[in-house]
Amino acid sequence: MLLIRGHGGETTLTGTLFEPGEEPPRFDGAPDGEAPFVWVCDEFYEVESGGSLAEIDGQPVRVAFESPMPRGFDSRTAALAAAREHVRTQFARVGVPGDDVRVEVEQVEADAAVDPAAV
């Protein structure tokens, strides 16, 4: 399992890339088990009212979240490229230029991952 973390605007967004042999989360819209690599990450955008208040670049910004959009990939290279682009796109949606986003990839052992049922 890889955590793909974007840093920009003094905040962070983290998504998860599940690799072959790992069990991605099951929920409506999740891809079937045929994809060896599954990317899952929140999607959000700026709104005028409602949403949640976040601080980005020291300024208050209202953001609304969409359901995570899991995507399946045949290769690790394609999955990582899409994950990086996804993270940069989310920041751009709230006014942080993609070039200003630093993306890091962290390998996490499957048994060290947090069990969502325990949260």
PDB file of N, CA and C in Angstrom:
ATOM      1  N   MET A   1       0.851  -1.152   0.000  1.00  0.00           N
ATOM      2  CA  MET A   1       0.000   0.000   0.000  1.00  0.00           C
ATOM      3  C   MET A   1       0.904   1.223   0.000  1.00  0.00           C
ATOM      4  N   LEU A   2       0.542   2.174  -0.856  1.00  0.00           N
ATOM      5  CA  LEU A   2       1.286   3.422  -0.933  1.00  0.00           C
ATOM      6  C   LEU A   2       0.379   4.572  -0.531  1.00  0.00           C
ATOM      7  N   LEU A   3       0.914   5.489   0.261  1.00  0.00           N
ATOM      8  CA  LEU A   3       0.219   6.732   0.561  1.00  0.00           C
ATOM      9  C   LEU A   3       0.830   7.794  -0.337  1.00  0.00           C
ATOM     10  N   ILE A   4      -0.004   8.472  -1.104  1.00  0.00           N
ATOM     11  CA  ILE A   4       0.455   9.549  -1.965  1.00  0.00           C
ATOM     12  C   ILE A   4      -0.057  10.826  -1.325  1.00  0.00           C
ATOM     13  N   ARG A   5       0.891  11.642  -0.882  1.00  0.00           N
ATOM     14  CA  ARG A   5       0.563  12.820  -0.081  1.00  0.00           C
ATOM     15  C   ARG A   5       1.000  14.080  -0.824  1.00  0.00           C
ATOM     16  N   GLY A   6       0.056  15.004  -0.984  1.00  0.00           N
ATOM     17  CA  GLY A   6       0.367  16.289  -1.599  1.00  0.00           C
ATOM     18  C   GLY A   6       0.398  17.369  -0.542  1.00  0.00           C
ATOM     19  N   HIS A   7       1.417  18.231  -0.627  1.00  0.00           N
ATOM     20  CA  HIS A   7       1.560  19.354   0.294  1.00  0.00           C
ATOM     21  C   HIS A   7       1.499  20.636  -0.518  1.00  0.00           C
ATOM     22  N   GLY A   8       0.607  21.520  -0.141  1.00  0.00           N
ATOM     23  CA  GLY A   8       0.496  22.801  -0.823  1.00  0.00           C
ATOM     24  C   GLY A   8      -0.438  23.709  -0.065  1.00  0.00           C
ATOM     25  N   GLY A   9      -0.221  25.008  -0.172  1.00  0.00           N
ATOM     26  CA  GLY A   9      -1.109  25.951   0.503  1.00  0.00           C
ATOM     27  C   GLY A   9      -1.161  25.754   2.002  1.00  0.00           C
ATOM     28  N   GLU A  10      -0.052  25.268   2.572  1.00  0.00           N
ATOM     29  CA  GLU A  10       0.050  25.029   4.014  1.00  0.00           C
ATOM     30  C   GLU A  10      -0.930  23.959   4.518  1.00  0.00           C
ATOM     31  N   THR A  11      -1.302  23.037   3.636  1.00  0.00           N
ATOM     32  CA  THR A  11      -2.173  21.922   4.027  1.00  0.00           C
ATOM     33  C   THR A  11      -1.739  20.662   3.273  1.00  0.00           C
ATOM     34  N   THR A  12      -2.371  19.556   3.582  1.00  0.00           N
ATOM     35  CA  THR A  12      -1.982  18.273   3.005  1.00  0.00           C
ATOM     36  C   THR A  12      -3.211  17.476   2.595  1.00  0.00           C
ATOM     37  N   LEU A  13      -3.080  16.724   1.522  1.00  0.00           N
ATOM     38  CA  LEU A  13      -4.101  15.784   1.062  1.00  0.00           C
ATOM     39  C   LEU A  13      -3.409  14.446   0.840  1.00  0.00           C
ATOM     40  N   THR A  14      -3.985  13.379   1.380  1.00  0.00           N
ATOM     41  CA  THR A  14      -3.393  12.051   1.238  1.00  0.00           C
ATOM     42  C   THR A  14      -4.409  11.085   0.638  1.00  0.00           C
ATOM     43  N   GLY A  15      -3.963  10.324  -0.357  1.00  0.00           N
ATOM     44  CA  GLY A  15      -4.752   9.256  -0.942  1.00  0.00           C
ATOM     45  C   GLY A  15      -4.003   7.940  -0.786  1.00  0.00           C
ATOM     46  N   THR A  16      -4.673   6.840  -1.115  1.00  0.00           N
ATOM     47  CA  THR A  16      -4.090   5.512  -0.941  1.00  0.00           C
ATOM     48  C   THR A  16      -4.095   4.764  -2.265  1.00  0.00           C
ATOM     49  N   LEU A  17      -2.951   4.150  -2.579  1.00  0.00           N
ATOM     50  CA  LEU A  17      -2.847   3.282  -3.742  1.00  0.00           C
ATOM     51  C   LEU A  17      -2.685   1.851  -3.232  1.00  0.00           C
ATOM     52  N   PHE A  18      -3.699   1.029  -3.500  1.00  0.00           N
ATOM     53  CA  PHE A  18      -3.666  -0.378  -3.115  1.00  0.00           C
ATOM     54  C   PHE A  18      -3.002  -1.156  -4.240  1.00  0.00           C
ATOM     55  N   GLU A  19      -2.074  -2.022  -3.860  1.00  0.00           N
ATOM     56  CA  GLU A  19      -1.304  -2.789  -4.833  1.00  0.00           C
ATOM     57  C   GLU A  19      -1.816  -4.225  -4.898  1.00  0.00           C
ATOM     58  N   PRO A  20      -1.322  -5.011  -5.874  1.00  0.00           N
ATOM     59  CA  PRO A  20      -1.786  -6.392  -6.006  1.00  0.00           C
ATOM     60  C   PRO A  20      -1.655  -7.154  -4.681  1.00  0.00           C
ATOM     61  N   GLY A  21      -2.702  -7.912  -4.361  1.00  0.00           N
ATOM     62  CA  GLY A  21      -2.714  -8.700  -3.137  1.00  0.00           C
ATOM     63  C   GLY A  21      -3.281  -7.959  -1.938  1.00  0.00           C
ATOM     64  N   GLU A  22      -3.492  -6.653  -2.064  1.00  0.00           N
ATOM     65  CA  GLU A  22      -4.079  -5.868  -0.981  1.00  0.00           C
ATOM     66  C   GLU A  22      -5.564  -5.665  -1.272  1.00  0.00           C
ATOM     67  N   GLU A  23      -6.347  -5.570  -0.244  1.00  0.00           N
ATOM     68  CA  GLU A  23      -7.794  -5.459  -0.393  1.00  0.00           C
ATOM     69  C   GLU A  23      -8.220  -3.995  -0.316  1.00  0.00           C
ATOM     70  N   PRO A  24      -8.605  -3.400  -1.451  1.00  0.00           N
ATOM     71  CA  PRO A  24      -9.102  -2.027  -1.397  1.00  0.00           C
ATOM     72  C   PRO A  24     -10.463  -1.981  -0.703  1.00  0.00           C
ATOM     73  N   PRO A  25     -10.876  -0.805  -0.245  1.00  0.00           N
ATOM     74  CA  PRO A  25     -12.169  -0.705   0.428  1.00  0.00           C
ATOM     75  C   PRO A  25     -13.312  -1.066  -0.516  1.00  0.00           C
ATOM     76  N   ARG A  26     -14.365  -1.583   0.048  1.00  0.00           N
ATOM     77  CA  ARG A  26     -15.563  -1.948  -0.724  1.00  0.00           C
ATOM     78  C   ARG A  26     -16.675  -0.959  -0.405  1.00  0.00           C
ATOM     79  N   PHE A  27     -17.172  -0.283  -1.420  1.00  0.00           N
ATOM     80  CA  PHE A  27     -18.293   0.630  -1.268  1.00  0.00           C
ATOM     81  C   PHE A  27     -18.864   0.905  -2.648  1.00  0.00           C
ATOM     82  N   ASP A  28     -20.037   1.512  -2.692  1.00  0.00           N
ATOM     83  CA  ASP A  28     -20.671   1.809  -3.968  1.00  0.00           C
ATOM     84  C   ASP A  28     -19.716   2.594  -4.849  1.00  0.00           C
ATOM     85  N   GLY A  29     -19.547   2.155  -6.080  1.00  0.00           N
ATOM     86  CA  GLY A  29     -18.683   2.831  -7.025  1.00  0.00           C
ATOM     87  C   GLY A  29     -17.260   2.319  -7.045  1.00  0.00           C
ATOM     88  N   ALA A  30     -16.890   1.469  -6.094  1.00  0.00           N
ATOM     89  CA  ALA A  30     -15.527   0.937  -6.077  1.00  0.00           C
ATOM     90  C   ALA A  30     -15.332   0.028  -7.288  1.00  0.00           C
ATOM     91  N   PRO A  31     -14.119   0.053  -7.890  1.00  0.00           N
ATOM     92  CA  PRO A  31     -13.893  -0.819  -9.043  1.00  0.00           C
ATOM     93  C   PRO A  31     -13.903  -2.276  -8.611  1.00  0.00           C
ATOM     94  N   ASP A  32     -14.140  -3.155  -9.556  1.00  0.00           N
ATOM     95  CA  ASP A  32     -14.158  -4.566  -9.208  1.00  0.00           C
ATOM     96  C   ASP A  32     -12.740  -5.054  -8.902  1.00  0.00           C
ATOM     97  N   GLY A  33     -12.630  -6.247  -8.418  1.00  0.00           N
ATOM     98  CA  GLY A  33     -11.357  -6.806  -8.009  1.00  0.00           C
ATOM     99  C   GLY A  33     -10.415  -7.142  -9.145  1.00  0.00           C
ATOM    100  N   GLU A  34     -10.775  -6.872 -10.357  1.00  0.00           N
ATOM    101  CA  GLU A  34      -9.936  -7.206 -11.503  1.00  0.00           C
ATOM    102  C   GLU A  34      -8.745  -6.269 -11.657  1.00  0.00           C
ATOM    103  N   ALA A  35      -8.824  -5.038 -11.170  1.00  0.00           N
ATOM    104  CA  ALA A  35      -7.732  -4.080 -11.317  1.00  0.00           C
ATOM    105  C   ALA A  35      -6.648  -4.377 -10.281  1.00  0.00           C
ATOM    106  N   PRO A  36      -5.406  -4.570 -10.729  1.00  0.00           N
ATOM    107  CA  PRO A  36      -4.345  -4.885  -9.769  1.00  0.00           C
ATOM    108  C   PRO A  36      -3.942  -3.690  -8.893  1.00  0.00           C
ATOM    109  N   PHE A  37      -4.145  -2.469  -9.372  1.00  0.00           N
ATOM    110  CA  PHE A  37      -3.807  -1.268  -8.615  1.00  0.00           C
ATOM    111  C   PHE A  37      -5.058  -0.408  -8.499  1.00  0.00           C
ATOM    112  N   VAL A  38      -5.395   0.009  -7.279  1.00  0.00           N
ATOM    113  CA  VAL A  38      -6.606   0.812  -7.063  1.00  0.00           C
ATOM    114  C   VAL A  38      -6.225   2.070  -6.287  1.00  0.00           C
ATOM    115  N   TRP A  39      -6.547   3.216  -6.868  1.00  0.00           N
ATOM    116  CA  TRP A  39      -6.275   4.525  -6.270  1.00  0.00           C
ATOM    117  C   TRP A  39      -7.573   5.052  -5.660  1.00  0.00           C
ATOM    118  N   VAL A  40      -7.512   5.485  -4.381  1.00  0.00           N
ATOM    119  CA  VAL A  40      -8.678   6.040  -3.692  1.00  0.00           C
ATOM    120  C   VAL A  40      -8.247   7.328  -3.000  1.00  0.00           C
ATOM    121  N   CYS A  41      -8.971   8.407  -3.278  1.00  0.00           N
ATOM    122  CA  CYS A  41      -8.648   9.686  -2.644  1.00  0.00           C
ATOM    123  C   CYS A  41      -9.876  10.586  -2.696  1.00  0.00           C
ATOM    124  N   ASP A  42     -10.001  11.442  -1.679  1.00  0.00           N
ATOM    125  CA  ASP A  42     -11.083  12.416  -1.666  1.00  0.00           C
ATOM    126  C   ASP A  42     -10.978  13.350  -2.862  1.00  0.00           C
ATOM    127  N   GLU A  43     -12.114  13.902  -3.215  1.00  0.00           N
ATOM    128  CA  GLU A  43     -12.189  14.968  -4.207  1.00  0.00           C
ATOM    129  C   GLU A  43     -12.907  16.123  -3.543  1.00  0.00           C
ATOM    130  N   PHE A  44     -12.432  17.333  -3.785  1.00  0.00           N
ATOM    131  CA  PHE A  44     -13.068  18.496  -3.175  1.00  0.00           C
ATOM    132  C   PHE A  44     -12.948  19.694  -4.101  1.00  0.00           C
ATOM    133  N   TYR A  45     -13.719  20.724  -3.787  1.00  0.00           N
ATOM    134  CA  TYR A  45     -13.723  21.941  -4.587  1.00  0.00           C
ATOM    135  C   TYR A  45     -14.176  23.093  -3.709  1.00  0.00           C
ATOM    136  N   GLU A  46     -13.848  24.304  -4.125  1.00  0.00           N
ATOM    137  CA  GLU A  46     -14.211  25.495  -3.362  1.00  0.00           C
ATOM    138  C   GLU A  46     -15.679  25.853  -3.614  1.00  0.00           C
ATOM    139  N   VAL A  47     -16.373  26.274  -2.544  1.00  0.00           N
ATOM    140  CA  VAL A  47     -17.765  26.708  -2.647  1.00  0.00           C
ATOM    141  C   VAL A  47     -17.908  28.067  -1.970  1.00  0.00           C
ATOM    142  N   GLU A  48     -18.931  28.816  -2.365  1.00  0.00           N
ATOM    143  CA  GLU A  48     -19.197  30.138  -1.785  1.00  0.00           C
ATOM    144  C   GLU A  48     -19.783  30.031  -0.380  1.00  0.00           C
ATOM    145  N   SER A  49     -20.660  29.044  -0.184  1.00  0.00           N
ATOM    146  CA  SER A  49     -21.284  28.875   1.133  1.00  0.00           C
ATOM    147  C   SER A  49     -21.428  27.381   1.420  1.00  0.00           C
ATOM    148  N   GLY A  50     -21.659  27.072   2.679  1.00  0.00           N
ATOM    149  CA  GLY A  50     -21.773  25.665   3.069  1.00  0.00           C
ATOM    150  C   GLY A  50     -20.400  25.027   3.111  1.00  0.00           C
ATOM    151  N   GLY A  51     -20.344  23.739   2.926  1.00  0.00           N
ATOM    152  CA  GLY A  51     -19.078  23.030   2.939  1.00  0.00           C
ATOM    153  C   GLY A  51     -18.387  23.099   4.286  1.00  0.00           C
ATOM    154  N   SER A  52     -17.104  22.856   4.282  1.00  0.00           N
ATOM    155  CA  SER A  52     -16.274  22.903   5.485  1.00  0.00           C
ATOM    156  C   SER A  52     -15.261  24.018   5.340  1.00  0.00           C
ATOM    157  N   LEU A  53     -14.984  24.680   6.435  1.00  0.00           N
ATOM    158  CA  LEU A  53     -14.008  25.755   6.414  1.00  0.00           C
ATOM    159  C   LEU A  53     -12.609  25.173   6.568  1.00  0.00           C
ATOM    160  N   ALA A  54     -11.721  25.530   5.651  1.00  0.00           N
ATOM    161  CA  ALA A  54     -10.318  25.095   5.696  1.00  0.00           C
ATOM    162  C   ALA A  54      -9.446  26.336   5.571  1.00  0.00           C
ATOM    163  N   GLU A  55      -8.223  26.216   6.036  1.00  0.00           N
ATOM    164  CA  GLU A  55      -7.275  27.313   5.867  1.00  0.00           C
ATOM    165  C   GLU A  55      -6.250  26.888   4.829  1.00  0.00           C
ATOM    166  N   ILE A  56      -6.167  27.652   3.743  1.00  0.00           N
ATOM    167  CA  ILE A  56      -5.246  27.348   2.659  1.00  0.00           C
ATOM    168  C   ILE A  56      -4.456  28.611   2.361  1.00  0.00           C
ATOM    169  N   ASP A  57      -3.148  28.503   2.432  1.00  0.00           N
ATOM    170  CA  ASP A  57      -2.265  29.664   2.278  1.00  0.00           C
ATOM    171  C   ASP A  57      -2.636  30.777   3.247  1.00  0.00           C
ATOM    172  N   GLY A  58      -3.054  30.395   4.453  1.00  0.00           N
ATOM    173  CA  GLY A  58      -3.373  31.366   5.483  1.00  0.00           C
ATOM    174  C   GLY A  58      -4.717  32.051   5.310  1.00  0.00           C
ATOM    175  N   GLN A  59      -5.493  31.619   4.332  1.00  0.00           N
ATOM    176  CA  GLN A  59      -6.793  32.235   4.062  1.00  0.00           C
ATOM    177  C   GLN A  59      -7.914  31.217   4.279  1.00  0.00           C
ATOM    178  N   PRO A  60      -9.055  31.665   4.819  1.00  0.00           N
ATOM    179  CA  PRO A  60     -10.184  30.743   4.964  1.00  0.00           C
ATOM    180  C   PRO A  60     -10.794  30.419   3.595  1.00  0.00           C
ATOM    181  N   VAL A  61     -11.027  29.153   3.360  1.00  0.00           N
ATOM    182  CA  VAL A  61     -11.624  28.687   2.107  1.00  0.00           C
ATOM    183  C   VAL A  61     -12.688  27.668   2.467  1.00  0.00           C
ATOM    184  N   ARG A  62     -13.858  27.796   1.882  1.00  0.00           N
ATOM    185  CA  ARG A  62     -14.927  26.817   2.086  1.00  0.00           C
ATOM    186  C   ARG A  62     -14.798  25.749   1.020  1.00  0.00           C
ATOM    187  N   VAL A  63     -14.739  24.500   1.463  1.00  0.00           N
ATOM    188  CA  VAL A  63     -14.604  23.387   0.525  1.00  0.00           C
ATOM    189  C   VAL A  63     -15.735  22.384   0.732  1.00  0.00           C
ATOM    190  N   ALA A  64     -16.160  21.804  -0.370  1.00  0.00           N
ATOM    191  CA  ALA A  64     -17.144  20.721  -0.338  1.00  0.00           C
ATOM    192  C   ALA A  64     -16.438  19.470  -0.835  1.00  0.00           C
ATOM    193  N   PHE A  65     -16.762  18.349  -0.211  1.00  0.00           N
ATOM    194  CA  PHE A  65     -16.141  17.080  -0.555  1.00  0.00           C
ATOM    195  C   PHE A  65     -17.107  16.218  -1.352  1.00  0.00           C
ATOM    196  N   GLU A  66     -16.572  15.523  -2.338  1.00  0.00           N
ATOM    197  CA  GLU A  66     -17.317  14.536  -3.100  1.00  0.00           C
ATOM    198  C   GLU A  66     -16.939  13.166  -2.567  1.00  0.00           C
ATOM    199  N   SER A  67     -17.740  12.176  -2.856  1.00  0.00           N
ATOM    200  CA  SER A  67     -17.387  10.805  -2.474  1.00  0.00           C
ATOM    201  C   SER A  67     -16.083  10.425  -3.152  1.00  0.00           C
ATOM    202  N   PRO A  68     -15.234   9.647  -2.481  1.00  0.00           N
ATOM    203  CA  PRO A  68     -13.987   9.215  -3.126  1.00  0.00           C
ATOM    204  C   PRO A  68     -14.304   8.494  -4.433  1.00  0.00           C
ATOM    205  N   MET A  69     -13.488   8.752  -5.428  1.00  0.00           N
ATOM    206  CA  MET A  69     -13.680   8.140  -6.734  1.00  0.00           C
ATOM    207  C   MET A  69     -12.557   7.126  -6.959  1.00  0.00           C
ATOM    208  N   PRO A  70     -12.768   5.865  -6.565  1.00  0.00           N
ATOM    209  CA  PRO A  70     -11.714   4.866  -6.769  1.00  0.00           C
ATOM    210  C   PRO A  70     -11.507   4.611  -8.259  1.00  0.00           C
ATOM    211  N   ARG A  71     -10.269   4.404  -8.624  1.00  0.00           N
ATOM    212  CA  ARG A  71      -9.938   4.124 -10.019  1.00  0.00           C
ATOM    213  C   ARG A  71      -8.976   2.958 -10.073  1.00  0.00           C
ATOM    214  N   GLY A  72      -9.203   2.053 -11.004  1.00  0.00           N
ATOM    215  CA  GLY A  72      -8.340   0.887 -11.172  1.00  0.00           C
ATOM    216  C   GLY A  72      -7.354   1.080 -12.313  1.00  0.00           C
ATOM    217  N   PHE A  73      -6.154   0.508 -12.155  1.00  0.00           N
ATOM    218  CA  PHE A  73      -5.086   0.618 -13.151  1.00  0.00           C
ATOM    219  C   PHE A  73      -4.408  -0.727 -13.339  1.00  0.00           C
ATOM    220  N   ASP A  74      -3.854  -0.925 -14.536  1.00  0.00           N
ATOM    221  CA  ASP A  74      -3.154  -2.161 -14.843  1.00  0.00           C
ATOM    222  C   ASP A  74      -1.690  -2.130 -14.419  1.00  0.00           C
ATOM    223  N   SER A  75      -1.116  -0.924 -14.261  1.00  0.00           N
ATOM    224  CA  SER A  75       0.296  -0.851 -13.903  1.00  0.00           C
ATOM    225  C   SER A  75       0.517   0.144 -12.769  1.00  0.00           C
ATOM    226  N   ARG A  76       1.587  -0.082 -12.034  1.00  0.00           N
ATOM    227  CA  ARG A  76       1.957   0.814 -10.929  1.00  0.00           C
ATOM    228  C   ARG A  76       2.319   2.191 -11.488  1.00  0.00           C
ATOM    229  N   THR A  77       3.017   2.225 -12.614  1.00  0.00           N
ATOM    230  CA  THR A  77       3.429   3.493 -13.222  1.00  0.00           C
ATOM    231  C   THR A  77       2.218   4.350 -13.568  1.00  0.00           C
ATOM    232  N   ALA A  78       1.223   3.746 -14.208  1.00  0.00           N
ATOM    233  CA  ALA A  78       0.016   4.484 -14.576  1.00  0.00           C
ATOM    234  C   ALA A  78      -0.745   4.949 -13.337  1.00  0.00           C
ATOM    235  N   ALA A  79      -0.821   4.092 -12.319  1.00  0.00           N
ATOM    236  CA  ALA A  79      -1.532   4.442 -11.090  1.00  0.00           C
ATOM    237  C   ALA A  79      -0.852   5.604 -10.377  1.00  0.00           C
ATOM    238  N   LEU A  80       0.476   5.574 -10.279  1.00  0.00           N
ATOM    239  CA  LEU A  80       1.206   6.661  -9.619  1.00  0.00           C
ATOM    240  C   LEU A  80       1.079   7.970 -10.383  1.00  0.00           C
ATOM    241  N   ALA A  81       1.138   7.919 -11.692  1.00  0.00           N
ATOM    242  CA  ALA A  81       0.983   9.132 -12.500  1.00  0.00           C
ATOM    243  C   ALA A  81      -0.400   9.734 -12.288  1.00  0.00           C
ATOM    244  N   ALA A  82      -1.431   8.891 -12.291  1.00  0.00           N
ATOM    245  CA  ALA A  82      -2.798   9.375 -12.073  1.00  0.00           C
ATOM    246  C   ALA A  82      -2.972   9.914 -10.659  1.00  0.00           C
ATOM    247  N   ALA A  83      -2.356   9.273  -9.678  1.00  0.00           N
ATOM    248  CA  ALA A  83      -2.454   9.730  -8.290  1.00  0.00           C
ATOM    249  C   ALA A  83      -1.824  11.109  -8.135  1.00  0.00           C
ATOM    250  N   ARG A  84      -0.638  11.280  -8.690  1.00  0.00           N
ATOM    251  CA  ARG A  84       0.027  12.596  -8.613  1.00  0.00           C
ATOM    252  C   ARG A  84      -0.823  13.678  -9.277  1.00  0.00           C
ATOM    253  N   GLU A  85      -1.357  13.368 -10.439  1.00  0.00           N
ATOM    254  CA  GLU A  85      -2.202  14.337 -11.154  1.00  0.00           C
ATOM    255  C   GLU A  85      -3.472  14.647 -10.361  1.00  0.00           C
ATOM    256  N   HIS A  86      -4.067  13.622  -9.777  1.00  0.00           N
ATOM    257  CA  HIS A  86      -5.283  13.803  -8.979  1.00  0.00           C
ATOM    258  C   HIS A  86      -5.027  14.761  -7.812  1.00  0.00           C
ATOM    259  N   VAL A  87      -3.934  14.530  -7.092  1.00  0.00           N
ATOM    260  CA  VAL A  87      -3.616  15.372  -5.936  1.00  0.00           C
ATOM    261  C   VAL A  87      -3.411  16.815  -6.381  1.00  0.00           C
ATOM    262  N   ARG A  88      -2.648  17.017  -7.444  1.00  0.00           N
ATOM    263  CA  ARG A  88      -2.412  18.384  -7.944  1.00  0.00           C
ATOM    264  C   ARG A  88      -3.717  19.042  -8.400  1.00  0.00           C
ATOM    265  N   THR A  89      -4.587  18.271  -9.028  1.00  0.00           N
ATOM    266  CA  THR A  89      -5.877  18.800  -9.488  1.00  0.00           C
ATOM    267  C   THR A  89      -6.739  19.254  -8.318  1.00  0.00           C
ATOM    268  N   GLN A  90      -6.756  18.486  -7.233  1.00  0.00           N
ATOM    269  CA  GLN A  90      -7.571  18.870  -6.074  1.00  0.00           C
ATOM    270  C   GLN A  90      -7.086  20.201  -5.494  1.00  0.00           C
ATOM    271  N   PHE A  91      -5.787  20.370  -5.408  1.00  0.00           N
ATOM    272  CA  PHE A  91      -5.262  21.639  -4.907  1.00  0.00           C
ATOM    273  C   PHE A  91      -5.606  22.783  -5.854  1.00  0.00           C
ATOM    274  N   ALA A  92      -5.513  22.544  -7.157  1.00  0.00           N
ATOM    275  CA  ALA A  92      -5.846  23.588  -8.130  1.00  0.00           C
ATOM    276  C   ALA A  92      -7.308  24.020  -7.991  1.00  0.00           C
ATOM    277  N   ARG A  93      -8.170  23.093  -7.613  1.00  0.00           N
ATOM    278  CA  ARG A  93      -9.601  23.404  -7.460  1.00  0.00           C
ATOM    279  C   ARG A  93      -9.863  24.372  -6.304  1.00  0.00           C
ATOM    280  N   VAL A  94      -8.878  24.533  -5.397  1.00  0.00           N
ATOM    281  CA  VAL A  94      -9.037  25.483  -4.291  1.00  0.00           C
ATOM    282  C   VAL A  94      -7.998  26.599  -4.377  1.00  0.00           C
ATOM    283  N   GLY A  95      -7.427  26.791  -5.575  1.00  0.00           N
ATOM    284  CA  GLY A  95      -6.572  27.944  -5.812  1.00  0.00           C
ATOM    285  C   GLY A  95      -5.079  27.763  -5.624  1.00  0.00           C
ATOM    286  N   VAL A  96      -4.606  26.544  -5.383  1.00  0.00           N
ATOM    287  CA  VAL A  96      -3.168  26.299  -5.238  1.00  0.00           C
ATOM    288  C   VAL A  96      -2.662  25.745  -6.572  1.00  0.00           C
ATOM    289  N   PRO A  97      -1.776  26.480  -7.253  1.00  0.00           N
ATOM    290  CA  PRO A  97      -1.272  25.986  -8.543  1.00  0.00           C
ATOM    291  C   PRO A  97      -0.596  24.624  -8.401  1.00  0.00           C
ATOM    292  N   GLY A  98      -0.836  23.754  -9.368  1.00  0.00           N
ATOM    293  CA  GLY A  98      -0.272  22.410  -9.334  1.00  0.00           C
ATOM    294  C   GLY A  98       1.242  22.393  -9.191  1.00  0.00           C
ATOM    295  N   ASP A  99       1.912  23.373  -9.790  1.00  0.00           N
ATOM    296  CA  ASP A  99       3.371  23.435  -9.692  1.00  0.00           C
ATOM    297  C   ASP A  99       3.841  23.750  -8.276  1.00  0.00           C
ATOM    298  N   ASP A 100       2.944  24.277  -7.441  1.00  0.00           N
ATOM    299  CA  ASP A 100       3.279  24.606  -6.057  1.00  0.00           C
ATOM    300  C   ASP A 100       3.022  23.444  -5.100  1.00  0.00           C
ATOM    301  N   VAL A 101       2.557  22.324  -5.626  1.00  0.00           N
ATOM    302  CA  VAL A 101       2.232  21.163  -4.792  1.00  0.00           C
ATOM    303  C   VAL A 101       3.406  20.185  -4.820  1.00  0.00           C
ATOM    304  N   ARG A 102       3.885  19.842  -3.633  1.00  0.00           N
ATOM    305  CA  ARG A 102       4.950  18.832  -3.502  1.00  0.00           C
ATOM    306  C   ARG A 102       4.273  17.496  -3.205  1.00  0.00           C
ATOM    307  N   VAL A 103       4.578  16.479  -4.010  1.00  0.00           N
ATOM    308  CA  VAL A 103       3.967  15.164  -3.849  1.00  0.00           C
ATOM    309  C   VAL A 103       5.023  14.186  -3.354  1.00  0.00           C
ATOM    310  N   GLU A 104       4.661  13.418  -2.320  1.00  0.00           N
ATOM    311  CA  GLU A 104       5.548  12.377  -1.806  1.00  0.00           C
ATOM    312  C   GLU A 104       4.807  11.052  -1.788  1.00  0.00           C
ATOM    313  N   VAL A 105       5.566   9.980  -1.895  1.00  0.00           N
ATOM    314  CA  VAL A 105       5.009   8.625  -1.891  1.00  0.00           C
ATOM    315  C   VAL A 105       5.630   7.883  -0.716  1.00  0.00           C
ATOM    316  N   GLU A 106       4.767   7.287   0.104  1.00  0.00           N
ATOM    317  CA  GLU A 106       5.231   6.549   1.274  1.00  0.00           C
ATOM    318  C   GLU A 106       4.713   5.116   1.215  1.00  0.00           C
ATOM    319  N   GLN A 107       5.625   4.163   1.318  1.00  0.00           N
ATOM    320  CA  GLN A 107       5.256   2.747   1.367  1.00  0.00           C
ATOM    321  C   GLN A 107       4.787   2.424   2.787  1.00  0.00           C
ATOM    322  N   VAL A 108       3.647   1.778   2.907  1.00  0.00           N
ATOM    323  CA  VAL A 108       3.108   1.387   4.211  1.00  0.00           C
ATOM    324  C   VAL A 108       2.875  -0.109   4.172  1.00  0.00           C
ATOM    325  N   GLU A 109       3.338  -0.799   5.188  1.00  0.00           N
ATOM    326  CA  GLU A 109       3.101  -2.236   5.266  1.00  0.00           C
ATOM    327  C   GLU A 109       1.615  -2.463   5.513  1.00  0.00           C
ATOM    328  N   ALA A 110       1.049  -3.427   4.824  1.00  0.00           N
ATOM    329  CA  ALA A 110      -0.392  -3.693   4.927  1.00  0.00           C
ATOM    330  C   ALA A 110      -0.824  -3.947   6.366  1.00  0.00           C
ATOM    331  N   ASP A 111      -0.007  -4.651   7.159  1.00  0.00           N
ATOM    332  CA  ASP A 111      -0.417  -4.938   8.531  1.00  0.00           C
ATOM    333  C   ASP A 111      -0.265  -3.730   9.444  1.00  0.00           C
ATOM    334  N   ALA A 112       0.439  -2.680   8.981  1.00  0.00           N
ATOM    335  CA  ALA A 112       0.589  -1.466   9.786  1.00  0.00           C
ATOM    336  C   ALA A 112      -0.502  -0.447   9.467  1.00  0.00           C
ATOM    337  N   ALA A 113      -1.287  -0.713   8.431  1.00  0.00           N
ATOM    338  CA  ALA A 113      -2.342   0.215   8.044  1.00  0.00           C
ATOM    339  C   ALA A 113      -3.460   0.220   9.076  1.00  0.00           C
ATOM    340  N   VAL A 114      -4.137   1.328   9.149  1.00  0.00           N
ATOM    341  CA  VAL A 114      -5.249   1.465  10.094  1.00  0.00           C
ATOM    342  C   VAL A 114      -6.454   0.712   9.556  1.00  0.00           C
ATOM    343  N   ASP A 115      -7.071  -0.067  10.407  1.00  0.00           N
ATOM    344  CA  ASP A 115      -8.294  -0.778  10.055  1.00  0.00           C
ATOM    345  C   ASP A 115      -9.440   0.226  10.128  1.00  0.00           C
ATOM    346  N   PRO A 116     -10.102   0.538   8.969  1.00  0.00           N
ATOM    347  CA  PRO A 116     -11.172   1.530   8.971  1.00  0.00           C
ATOM    348  C   PRO A 116     -12.287   1.199   9.944  1.00  0.00           C
ATOM    349  N   ALA A 117     -12.519  -0.073  10.227  1.00  0.00           N
ATOM    350  CA  ALA A 117     -13.578  -0.465  11.162  1.00  0.00           C
ATOM    351  C   ALA A 117     -13.221  -0.086  12.594  1.00  0.00           C
ATOM    352  N   ALA A 118     -11.924   0.109  12.857  1.00  0.00           N
ATOM    353  CA  ALA A 118     -11.487   0.439  14.222  1.00  0.00           C
ATOM    354  C   ALA A 118     -11.503   1.937  14.483  1.00  0.00           C
ATOM    355  N   VAL A 119     -11.713   2.743  13.458  1.00  0.00           N
ATOM    356  CA  VAL A 119     -11.678   4.205  13.612  1.00  0.00           C
ATOM    357  C   VAL A 119     -13.010   4.714  14.065  1.00  0.00           C
TER     358      VAL A 119
END
